Amino acid sequence: MEFKDILAISGMPGLYKYVAQSTRGIIVESLEDGRRTNASATSRVSALSDISMFTEGEDIALAEVFTRMYAHTEGKQGLSHKESADKMKAYFAEVLPEYDRERVHVSDIKKALAWFNILVAAGMTEFTLPSDEEPAEEE
C-alpha cells in the first residue's frame, strides 16, 4: 500500500485505498474494515498525497506531517482525535511547531490525527510522496 493510493472521500468517514475504476466512479477499500464500496463520480475524492497543511512559512505536505508524527510517537498511534481541543493543539504544536495557528483549525487537526491513527493501525510506516521516491535506474 502506497501513500499516493490513500483517499479521503467527502461524505464517507475514514480512509480508503484505491482499487479500480468502475463505470459509475471508483472502487475503494476501507482501511478500517477492508470492505469494498463504490465512490460515485460525483463524490469529492482527495488523495492524501495532494493535501498540505498551512505553516508560518511554506505549506507542508501531509506526508511530512505524518512522518513527523510517526517519529514523535515512535511508530505507535498518536493522540486520539476525541481529546479536548486544547490537548490536540498542544500535541500538534509539539509535532509541527511552525503550523499556522490562525489558518489551521481544530477540525483540521482532528482530521489529521484520525487519519494518522487509521494509517498506523493499517500498518503503514512510510509516508512518502511520489516525488520523494528515488527514480529507478535504467539499464
N, C-alpha and C. Protein backbone atom coordinates (compact mmCIF):
# COMPACT_ATOMS: atom_id res chain seq x y z
N MET A 1 0.85 -1.18 0.00
CA MET A 1 0.00 0.00 0.00
C MET A 1 0.89 1.24 0.00
N GLU A 2 0.64 2.12 -0.95
CA GLU A 2 1.43 3.34 -1.05
C GLU A 2 0.60 4.54 -0.64
N PHE A 3 1.29 5.55 -0.11
CA PHE A 3 0.61 6.75 0.38
C PHE A 3 -0.19 7.43 -0.72
N LYS A 4 0.29 7.40 -1.94
CA LYS A 4 -0.39 8.08 -3.05
C LYS A 4 -1.73 7.43 -3.40
N ASP A 5 -1.96 6.19 -2.96
CA ASP A 5 -3.20 5.47 -3.25
C ASP A 5 -4.26 5.62 -2.16
N ILE A 6 -3.94 6.37 -1.11
CA ILE A 6 -4.87 6.53 0.00
C ILE A 6 -5.76 7.75 -0.27
N LEU A 7 -7.07 7.55 -0.11
CA LEU A 7 -8.04 8.58 -0.46
C LEU A 7 -8.93 8.94 0.72
N ALA A 8 -9.33 10.21 0.75
CA ALA A 8 -10.37 10.68 1.65
C ALA A 8 -11.54 11.06 0.75
N ILE A 9 -12.74 10.62 1.11
CA ILE A 9 -13.91 10.85 0.27
C ILE A 9 -14.96 11.60 1.09
N SER A 10 -15.40 12.75 0.55
CA SER A 10 -16.40 13.54 1.27
C SER A 10 -17.68 12.73 1.45
N GLY A 11 -18.23 12.84 2.65
CA GLY A 11 -19.47 12.11 2.94
C GLY A 11 -19.26 10.68 3.38
N MET A 12 -18.01 10.21 3.35
CA MET A 12 -17.70 8.84 3.77
C MET A 12 -16.61 8.91 4.85
N PRO A 13 -16.88 8.44 6.05
CA PRO A 13 -15.88 8.53 7.11
C PRO A 13 -14.70 7.59 6.86
N GLY A 14 -13.54 7.94 7.39
CA GLY A 14 -12.36 7.10 7.29
C GLY A 14 -11.54 7.35 6.05
N LEU A 15 -10.63 6.43 5.79
CA LEU A 15 -9.74 6.50 4.64
C LEU A 15 -9.93 5.25 3.78
N TYR A 16 -9.60 5.40 2.52
CA TYR A 16 -9.81 4.32 1.56
C TYR A 16 -8.61 4.14 0.65
N LYS A 17 -8.43 2.91 0.20
CA LYS A 17 -7.39 2.58 -0.76
C LYS A 17 -8.05 2.44 -2.12
N TYR A 18 -7.45 3.06 -3.13
CA TYR A 18 -7.95 2.96 -4.49
C TYR A 18 -7.77 1.52 -4.97
N VAL A 19 -8.84 0.95 -5.55
CA VAL A 19 -8.77 -0.42 -6.07
C VAL A 19 -8.85 -0.41 -7.59
N ALA A 20 -9.90 0.19 -8.15
CA ALA A 20 -10.09 0.17 -9.60
C ALA A 20 -11.10 1.22 -10.03
N GLN A 21 -11.11 1.48 -11.32
CA GLN A 21 -12.10 2.37 -11.93
C GLN A 21 -13.36 1.55 -12.20
N SER A 22 -14.52 2.16 -12.00
CA SER A 22 -15.77 1.49 -12.35
C SER A 22 -16.56 2.39 -13.29
N THR A 23 -17.65 1.88 -13.81
CA THR A 23 -18.43 2.68 -14.76
C THR A 23 -19.11 3.86 -14.08
N ARG A 24 -19.32 3.80 -12.78
CA ARG A 24 -20.02 4.87 -12.07
C ARG A 24 -19.13 5.63 -11.09
N GLY A 25 -17.84 5.44 -11.16
CA GLY A 25 -16.93 6.12 -10.24
C GLY A 25 -15.68 5.29 -10.04
N ILE A 26 -15.30 5.11 -8.77
CA ILE A 26 -14.14 4.27 -8.46
C ILE A 26 -14.50 3.28 -7.36
N ILE A 27 -13.82 2.16 -7.38
CA ILE A 27 -13.99 1.15 -6.33
C ILE A 27 -12.88 1.39 -5.32
N VAL A 28 -13.27 1.50 -4.06
CA VAL A 28 -12.32 1.74 -2.98
C VAL A 28 -12.50 0.71 -1.89
N GLU A 29 -11.44 0.54 -1.10
CA GLU A 29 -11.47 -0.41 0.02
C GLU A 29 -11.17 0.33 1.30
N SER A 30 -12.01 0.17 2.31
CA SER A 30 -11.82 0.84 3.59
C SER A 30 -10.56 0.32 4.27
N LEU A 31 -9.77 1.23 4.83
CA LEU A 31 -8.57 0.80 5.56
C LEU A 31 -8.92 0.27 6.94
N GLU A 32 -10.12 0.59 7.42
CA GLU A 32 -10.50 0.16 8.76
C GLU A 32 -11.08 -1.24 8.79
N ASP A 33 -11.99 -1.57 7.85
CA ASP A 33 -12.61 -2.88 7.90
C ASP A 33 -12.44 -3.71 6.63
N GLY A 34 -11.78 -3.15 5.62
CA GLY A 34 -11.50 -3.90 4.40
C GLY A 34 -12.67 -4.05 3.44
N ARG A 35 -13.79 -3.42 3.75
CA ARG A 35 -14.96 -3.52 2.87
C ARG A 35 -14.75 -2.68 1.61
N ARG A 36 -15.18 -3.24 0.50
CA ARG A 36 -15.08 -2.52 -0.77
C ARG A 36 -16.42 -1.85 -1.06
N THR A 37 -16.32 -0.67 -1.64
CA THR A 37 -17.52 0.09 -1.98
C THR A 37 -17.24 0.93 -3.22
N ASN A 38 -18.29 1.46 -3.79
CA ASN A 38 -18.14 2.32 -4.95
C ASN A 38 -18.29 3.77 -4.50
N ALA A 39 -17.32 4.61 -4.87
CA ALA A 39 -17.42 6.04 -4.64
C ALA A 39 -17.91 6.64 -5.95
N SER A 40 -19.06 7.28 -5.91
CA SER A 40 -19.65 7.78 -7.16
C SER A 40 -18.78 8.85 -7.81
N ALA A 41 -19.02 9.04 -9.08
CA ALA A 41 -18.25 10.01 -9.85
C ALA A 41 -18.51 11.43 -9.36
N THR A 42 -19.60 11.65 -8.64
CA THR A 42 -19.90 12.99 -8.13
C THR A 42 -19.30 13.25 -6.75
N SER A 43 -18.76 12.23 -6.10
CA SER A 43 -18.13 12.39 -4.79
C SER A 43 -16.83 13.19 -4.92
N ARG A 44 -16.55 13.99 -3.91
CA ARG A 44 -15.30 14.72 -3.91
C ARG A 44 -14.24 13.81 -3.28
N VAL A 45 -13.32 13.37 -4.10
CA VAL A 45 -12.27 12.44 -3.67
C VAL A 45 -10.95 13.19 -3.64
N SER A 46 -10.24 13.07 -2.51
CA SER A 46 -8.93 13.73 -2.37
C SER A 46 -7.88 12.69 -2.02
N ALA A 47 -6.80 12.68 -2.76
CA ALA A 47 -5.67 11.82 -2.42
C ALA A 47 -4.91 12.50 -1.29
N LEU A 48 -4.52 11.74 -0.27
CA LEU A 48 -3.79 12.34 0.85
C LEU A 48 -2.48 12.97 0.37
N SER A 49 -1.92 12.44 -0.70
CA SER A 49 -0.66 12.99 -1.22
C SER A 49 -0.83 14.40 -1.78
N ASP A 50 -2.08 14.82 -2.03
CA ASP A 50 -2.35 16.16 -2.57
C ASP A 50 -2.70 17.17 -1.48
N ILE A 51 -2.77 16.74 -0.24
CA ILE A 51 -3.19 17.61 0.86
C ILE A 51 -1.96 18.15 1.58
N SER A 52 -2.03 19.42 1.98
CA SER A 52 -0.93 20.03 2.74
C SER A 52 -1.50 20.84 3.90
N MET A 53 -0.62 21.21 4.82
CA MET A 53 -1.00 21.99 6.00
C MET A 53 -0.37 23.37 5.91
N PHE A 54 -1.10 24.35 6.42
CA PHE A 54 -0.56 25.71 6.47
C PHE A 54 0.49 25.82 7.56
N THR A 55 1.60 26.47 7.26
CA THR A 55 2.62 26.76 8.27
C THR A 55 2.95 28.24 8.19
N GLU A 56 3.81 28.69 9.08
CA GLU A 56 4.22 30.09 9.08
C GLU A 56 5.01 30.42 7.82
N GLY A 57 5.69 29.44 7.26
CA GLY A 57 6.44 29.62 6.01
C GLY A 57 5.65 29.02 4.86
N GLU A 58 6.30 28.12 4.13
CA GLU A 58 5.61 27.43 3.04
C GLU A 58 4.75 26.30 3.59
N ASP A 59 3.69 25.97 2.85
CA ASP A 59 2.83 24.86 3.26
C ASP A 59 3.65 23.58 3.27
N ILE A 60 3.27 22.66 4.15
CA ILE A 60 3.99 21.39 4.28
C ILE A 60 3.05 20.25 3.91
N ALA A 61 3.55 19.30 3.15
CA ALA A 61 2.74 18.17 2.69
C ALA A 61 2.28 17.33 3.89
N LEU A 62 1.07 16.80 3.79
CA LEU A 62 0.53 15.96 4.85
C LEU A 62 1.43 14.74 5.10
N ALA A 63 2.08 14.26 4.05
CA ALA A 63 3.00 13.13 4.21
C ALA A 63 4.13 13.49 5.18
N GLU A 64 4.64 14.71 5.10
CA GLU A 64 5.71 15.15 6.00
C GLU A 64 5.17 15.29 7.42
N VAL A 65 3.95 15.80 7.56
CA VAL A 65 3.33 15.91 8.89
C VAL A 65 3.21 14.53 9.51
N PHE A 66 2.73 13.55 8.73
CA PHE A 66 2.59 12.19 9.23
C PHE A 66 3.95 11.57 9.56
N THR A 67 4.97 11.86 8.78
CA THR A 67 6.32 11.36 9.05
C THR A 67 6.80 11.89 10.40
N ARG A 68 6.56 13.16 10.65
CA ARG A 68 6.95 13.76 11.94
C ARG A 68 6.14 13.15 13.09
N MET A 69 4.85 12.91 12.86
CA MET A 69 4.02 12.30 13.90
C MET A 69 4.50 10.88 14.19
N TYR A 70 4.88 10.15 13.14
CA TYR A 70 5.36 8.78 13.30
C TYR A 70 6.65 8.77 14.13
N ALA A 71 7.55 9.71 13.85
CA ALA A 71 8.80 9.81 14.61
C ALA A 71 8.50 10.21 16.05
N HIS A 72 7.56 11.11 16.23
CA HIS A 72 7.21 11.60 17.58
C HIS A 72 6.61 10.49 18.43
N THR A 73 5.80 9.63 17.83
CA THR A 73 5.15 8.55 18.58
C THR A 73 5.96 7.27 18.58
N GLU A 74 7.11 7.29 17.90
CA GLU A 74 7.99 6.12 17.79
C GLU A 74 7.24 4.92 17.20
N GLY A 75 6.43 5.20 16.16
CA GLY A 75 5.76 4.13 15.44
C GLY A 75 4.44 3.68 16.02
N LYS A 76 3.98 4.35 17.06
CA LYS A 76 2.70 3.99 17.67
C LYS A 76 1.64 4.99 17.22
N GLN A 77 0.39 4.68 17.56
CA GLN A 77 -0.68 5.61 17.24
C GLN A 77 -0.49 6.88 18.05
N GLY A 78 -0.98 7.99 17.50
CA GLY A 78 -0.85 9.29 18.17
C GLY A 78 -2.02 9.55 19.10
N LEU A 79 -2.14 10.80 19.48
CA LEU A 79 -3.21 11.26 20.33
C LEU A 79 -4.56 10.99 19.65
N SER A 80 -5.55 10.63 20.43
CA SER A 80 -6.88 10.38 19.88
C SER A 80 -7.50 11.68 19.36
N HIS A 81 -8.25 11.57 18.29
CA HIS A 81 -8.95 12.74 17.75
C HIS A 81 -10.16 13.12 18.59
N LYS A 82 -10.41 12.35 19.65
CA LYS A 82 -11.54 12.63 20.53
C LYS A 82 -11.13 13.40 21.79
N GLU A 83 -9.86 13.74 21.90
CA GLU A 83 -9.36 14.51 23.04
C GLU A 83 -9.88 15.94 22.96
N SER A 84 -9.62 16.72 24.01
CA SER A 84 -10.08 18.12 24.03
C SER A 84 -9.30 18.93 23.00
N ALA A 85 -9.88 20.04 22.59
CA ALA A 85 -9.25 20.91 21.59
C ALA A 85 -7.89 21.41 22.07
N ASP A 86 -7.78 21.74 23.35
CA ASP A 86 -6.50 22.24 23.88
C ASP A 86 -5.41 21.18 23.84
N LYS A 87 -5.77 19.92 24.16
CA LYS A 87 -4.80 18.83 24.11
C LYS A 87 -4.33 18.58 22.67
N MET A 88 -5.29 18.63 21.73
CA MET A 88 -4.92 18.40 20.33
C MET A 88 -4.01 19.51 19.82
N LYS A 89 -4.32 20.75 20.16
CA LYS A 89 -3.48 21.88 19.74
C LYS A 89 -2.07 21.76 20.31
N ALA A 90 -1.98 21.41 21.60
CA ALA A 90 -0.67 21.27 22.25
C ALA A 90 0.13 20.13 21.61
N TYR A 91 -0.52 19.01 21.35
CA TYR A 91 0.14 17.87 20.70
C TYR A 91 0.64 18.27 19.32
N PHE A 92 -0.21 18.93 18.56
CA PHE A 92 0.15 19.32 17.20
C PHE A 92 1.31 20.32 17.22
N ALA A 93 1.34 21.19 18.22
CA ALA A 93 2.43 22.17 18.36
C ALA A 93 3.76 21.47 18.65
N GLU A 94 3.71 20.34 19.36
CA GLU A 94 4.93 19.56 19.62
C GLU A 94 5.46 18.94 18.32
N VAL A 95 4.54 18.40 17.54
CA VAL A 95 4.90 17.70 16.31
C VAL A 95 5.28 18.67 15.20
N LEU A 96 4.51 19.73 15.05
CA LEU A 96 4.70 20.69 13.97
C LEU A 96 4.65 22.10 14.56
N PRO A 97 5.74 22.53 15.20
CA PRO A 97 5.72 23.81 15.90
C PRO A 97 5.45 25.01 14.99
N GLU A 98 5.75 24.88 13.71
CA GLU A 98 5.57 26.02 12.80
C GLU A 98 4.20 26.08 12.15
N TYR A 99 3.24 25.24 12.58
CA TYR A 99 1.93 25.28 11.93
C TYR A 99 1.25 26.63 12.18
N ASP A 100 0.47 27.09 11.22
CA ASP A 100 -0.20 28.39 11.29
C ASP A 100 -1.42 28.27 12.19
N ARG A 101 -1.32 28.83 13.37
CA ARG A 101 -2.38 28.68 14.37
C ARG A 101 -3.67 29.42 14.01
N GLU A 102 -3.60 30.33 13.04
CA GLU A 102 -4.81 31.05 12.63
C GLU A 102 -5.55 30.35 11.50
N ARG A 103 -4.82 29.70 10.60
CA ARG A 103 -5.45 29.07 9.44
C ARG A 103 -5.69 27.58 9.61
N VAL A 104 -5.01 26.93 10.54
CA VAL A 104 -5.24 25.51 10.81
C VAL A 104 -6.22 25.42 11.98
N HIS A 105 -7.40 24.95 11.70
CA HIS A 105 -8.46 24.88 12.69
C HIS A 105 -8.40 23.56 13.46
N VAL A 106 -9.11 23.52 14.58
CA VAL A 106 -9.16 22.30 15.39
C VAL A 106 -9.71 21.14 14.56
N SER A 107 -10.67 21.41 13.69
CA SER A 107 -11.23 20.35 12.85
C SER A 107 -10.16 19.76 11.91
N ASP A 108 -9.22 20.59 11.45
CA ASP A 108 -8.13 20.10 10.60
C ASP A 108 -7.18 19.21 11.40
N ILE A 109 -6.88 19.62 12.62
CA ILE A 109 -6.00 18.83 13.49
C ILE A 109 -6.68 17.50 13.83
N LYS A 110 -7.97 17.57 14.13
CA LYS A 110 -8.75 16.37 14.46
C LYS A 110 -8.71 15.37 13.31
N LYS A 111 -8.91 15.87 12.10
CA LYS A 111 -8.90 15.01 10.91
C LYS A 111 -7.51 14.41 10.70
N ALA A 112 -6.46 15.21 10.86
CA ALA A 112 -5.09 14.71 10.69
C ALA A 112 -4.78 13.61 11.71
N LEU A 113 -5.19 13.81 12.96
CA LEU A 113 -4.95 12.80 14.00
C LEU A 113 -5.72 11.52 13.70
N ALA A 114 -6.97 11.65 13.30
CA ALA A 114 -7.78 10.47 12.99
C ALA A 114 -7.18 9.70 11.82
N TRP A 115 -6.80 10.42 10.76
CA TRP A 115 -6.22 9.77 9.59
C TRP A 115 -4.89 9.11 9.93
N PHE A 116 -4.05 9.78 10.71
CA PHE A 116 -2.77 9.19 11.09
C PHE A 116 -2.98 7.88 11.85
N ASN A 117 -3.90 7.89 12.79
CA ASN A 117 -4.16 6.68 13.59
C ASN A 117 -4.72 5.55 12.74
N ILE A 118 -5.56 5.87 11.75
CA ILE A 118 -6.07 4.85 10.83
C ILE A 118 -4.92 4.24 10.04
N LEU A 119 -4.03 5.08 9.53
CA LEU A 119 -2.91 4.59 8.72
C LEU A 119 -1.96 3.72 9.54
N VAL A 120 -1.65 4.13 10.77
CA VAL A 120 -0.76 3.33 11.62
C VAL A 120 -1.42 2.00 11.96
N ALA A 121 -2.72 2.02 12.27
CA ALA A 121 -3.44 0.78 12.58
C ALA A 121 -3.47 -0.15 11.38
N ALA A 122 -3.46 0.43 10.16
CA ALA A 122 -3.47 -0.38 8.93
C ALA A 122 -2.07 -0.88 8.57
N GLY A 123 -1.06 -0.50 9.36
CA GLY A 123 0.29 -1.00 9.13
C GLY A 123 1.16 -0.11 8.26
N MET A 124 0.73 1.09 7.98
CA MET A 124 1.55 1.99 7.16
C MET A 124 2.66 2.59 8.03
N THR A 125 3.89 2.52 7.53
CA THR A 125 5.02 3.03 8.29
C THR A 125 5.80 4.10 7.53
N GLU A 126 5.57 4.21 6.23
CA GLU A 126 6.27 5.22 5.43
C GLU A 126 5.26 6.09 4.72
N PHE A 127 5.48 7.38 4.83
CA PHE A 127 4.57 8.35 4.24
C PHE A 127 5.34 9.16 3.20
N THR A 128 5.64 8.53 2.08
CA THR A 128 6.42 9.21 1.05
C THR A 128 5.55 9.58 -0.13
N LEU A 129 5.85 10.73 -0.69
CA LEU A 129 5.16 11.18 -1.89
C LEU A 129 5.88 10.65 -3.11
N PRO A 130 5.21 10.53 -4.25
CA PRO A 130 5.86 10.01 -5.46
C PRO A 130 7.13 10.78 -5.84
N SER A 131 7.17 12.08 -5.62
CA SER A 131 8.36 12.87 -5.96
C SER A 131 9.50 12.64 -4.97
N ASP A 132 9.18 12.09 -3.78
CA ASP A 132 10.21 11.80 -2.78
C ASP A 132 10.99 10.53 -3.10
N GLU A 133 10.38 9.66 -3.90
CA GLU A 133 10.99 8.36 -4.17
C GLU A 133 12.14 8.51 -5.15
N GLU A 134 13.12 7.64 -5.02
CA GLU A 134 14.27 7.65 -5.90
C GLU A 134 13.85 7.14 -7.29
N PRO A 135 14.27 7.79 -8.34
CA PRO A 135 13.94 7.27 -9.67
C PRO A 135 14.68 5.96 -9.95
N ALA A 136 14.00 5.08 -10.64
CA ALA A 136 14.61 3.79 -10.97
C ALA A 136 15.70 3.99 -12.02
N GLU A 137 16.78 3.26 -11.84
CA GLU A 137 17.88 3.37 -12.80
C GLU A 137 17.57 2.53 -14.02
N GLU A 138 17.86 3.08 -15.19
CA GLU A 138 17.64 2.34 -16.43
C GLU A 138 18.90 1.59 -16.79
N GLU A 139 18.72 0.39 -17.29
CA GLU A 139 19.89 -0.41 -17.68
C GLU A 139 19.94 -0.59 -19.16
